[in-house]
Amino acid sequence: MRQTIALLLAGLILSSVTACNMVQGAGRDIESVGRAGKDAMH
């Protein structure tokens, strides 16, 4: 029982870290697109 709980917690922690990295990466992508558009207009 303890092993199952430990595995579930580890899985949740890993998936939350991965989701956080994906959101940060998407934010950087959007920011770079905005910068590229701004540079193209000037």
N, C-alpha and C. Protein backbone atom coordinates (compact mmCIF):
# COMPACT_ATOMS: atom_id res chain seq x y z
N MET A 1 0.82 -1.20 0.00
CA MET A 1 0.00 0.00 0.00
C MET A 1 0.86 1.26 0.00
N ARG A 2 1.91 1.26 0.83
CA ARG A 2 2.78 2.44 0.90
C ARG A 2 3.52 2.66 -0.42
N GLN A 3 3.90 1.57 -1.06
CA GLN A 3 4.61 1.69 -2.34
C GLN A 3 3.69 2.32 -3.39
N THR A 4 2.45 1.93 -3.40
CA THR A 4 1.49 2.48 -4.35
C THR A 4 1.32 3.98 -4.13
N ILE A 5 1.18 4.38 -2.87
CA ILE A 5 1.02 5.81 -2.56
C ILE A 5 2.28 6.57 -2.95
N ALA A 6 3.45 6.02 -2.66
CA ALA A 6 4.70 6.67 -3.01
C ALA A 6 4.84 6.82 -4.52
N LEU A 7 4.46 5.79 -5.27
CA LEU A 7 4.53 5.87 -6.73
C LEU A 7 3.55 6.90 -7.28
N LEU A 8 2.36 6.96 -6.72
CA LEU A 8 1.38 7.95 -7.15
C LEU A 8 1.87 9.36 -6.88
N LEU A 9 2.44 9.58 -5.69
CA LEU A 9 2.97 10.91 -5.37
C LEU A 9 4.12 11.29 -6.29
N ALA A 10 5.01 10.35 -6.55
CA ALA A 10 6.13 10.62 -7.45
C ALA A 10 5.63 10.95 -8.86
N GLY A 11 4.64 10.23 -9.31
CA GLY A 11 4.06 10.50 -10.63
C GLY A 11 3.42 11.87 -10.69
N LEU A 12 2.70 12.25 -9.64
CA LEU A 12 2.07 13.57 -9.61
C LEU A 12 3.11 14.68 -9.60
N ILE A 13 4.17 14.49 -8.83
CA ILE A 13 5.23 15.51 -8.76
C ILE A 13 5.90 15.65 -10.11
N LEU A 14 6.23 14.53 -10.74
CA LEU A 14 6.89 14.59 -12.04
C LEU A 14 6.00 15.22 -13.10
N SER A 15 4.73 14.88 -13.09
CA SER A 15 3.84 15.45 -14.10
C SER A 15 3.62 16.94 -13.87
N SER A 16 3.60 17.38 -12.62
CA SER A 16 3.42 18.81 -12.36
C SER A 16 4.66 19.59 -12.78
N VAL A 17 5.83 19.02 -12.57
CA VAL A 17 7.07 19.68 -13.01
C VAL A 17 7.10 19.77 -14.53
N THR A 18 6.71 18.72 -15.20
CA THR A 18 6.67 18.71 -16.66
C THR A 18 5.68 19.73 -17.18
N ALA A 19 4.52 19.80 -16.57
CA ALA A 19 3.50 20.78 -17.00
C ALA A 19 4.02 22.19 -16.81
N CYS A 20 4.71 22.44 -15.72
CA CYS A 20 5.27 23.76 -15.46
C CYS A 20 6.27 24.14 -16.54
N ASN A 21 7.13 23.20 -16.90
CA ASN A 21 8.11 23.48 -17.95
C ASN A 21 7.44 23.73 -19.28
N MET A 22 6.35 23.03 -19.57
CA MET A 22 5.64 23.23 -20.83
C MET A 22 5.01 24.62 -20.87
N VAL A 23 4.45 25.06 -19.76
CA VAL A 23 3.82 26.39 -19.71
C VAL A 23 4.89 27.47 -19.88
N GLN A 24 6.03 27.30 -19.21
CA GLN A 24 7.12 28.27 -19.36
C GLN A 24 7.61 28.30 -20.79
N GLY A 25 7.75 27.15 -21.40
CA GLY A 25 8.20 27.08 -22.79
C GLY A 25 7.21 27.75 -23.74
N ALA A 26 5.93 27.55 -23.49
CA ALA A 26 4.91 28.19 -24.33
C ALA A 26 4.97 29.70 -24.15
N GLY A 27 5.18 30.14 -22.94
CA GLY A 27 5.30 31.58 -22.68
C GLY A 27 6.48 32.18 -23.41
N ARG A 28 7.60 31.47 -23.42
CA ARG A 28 8.79 31.95 -24.14
C ARG A 28 8.53 31.98 -25.64
N ASP A 29 7.83 30.98 -26.16
CA ASP A 29 7.52 30.95 -27.59
C ASP A 29 6.65 32.13 -27.98
N ILE A 30 5.62 32.41 -27.19
CA ILE A 30 4.73 33.52 -27.48
C ILE A 30 5.49 34.84 -27.41
N GLU A 31 6.36 34.95 -26.43
CA GLU A 31 7.15 36.17 -26.28
C GLU A 31 8.07 36.38 -27.48
N SER A 32 8.70 35.32 -27.97
CA SER A 32 9.59 35.44 -29.12
C SER A 32 8.82 35.79 -30.39
N VAL A 33 7.61 35.29 -30.53
CA VAL A 33 6.78 35.63 -31.69
C VAL A 33 6.41 37.12 -31.63
N GLY A 34 6.08 37.60 -30.44
CA GLY A 34 5.75 39.01 -30.27
C GLY A 34 6.94 39.90 -30.60
N ARG A 35 8.12 39.49 -30.16
CA ARG A 35 9.34 40.26 -30.46
C ARG A 35 9.62 40.26 -31.96
N ALA A 36 9.45 39.12 -32.60
CA ALA A 36 9.70 39.03 -34.04
C ALA A 36 8.73 39.93 -34.81
N GLY A 37 7.46 39.95 -34.40
CA GLY A 37 6.48 40.82 -35.05
C GLY A 37 6.82 42.28 -34.86
N LYS A 38 7.25 42.63 -33.66
CA LYS A 38 7.63 44.01 -33.37
C LYS A 38 8.84 44.42 -34.20
N ASP A 39 9.83 43.53 -34.30
CA ASP A 39 11.03 43.83 -35.10
C ASP A 39 10.68 43.96 -36.57
N ALA A 40 9.74 43.18 -37.05
CA ALA A 40 9.36 43.22 -38.46
C ALA A 40 8.66 44.55 -38.80
N MET A 41 7.94 45.11 -37.82
CA MET A 41 7.22 46.36 -38.07
C MET A 41 8.16 47.57 -38.06
N HIS A 42 9.30 47.45 -37.40
CA HIS A 42 10.21 48.59 -37.31
C HIS A 42 11.29 48.51 -38.31
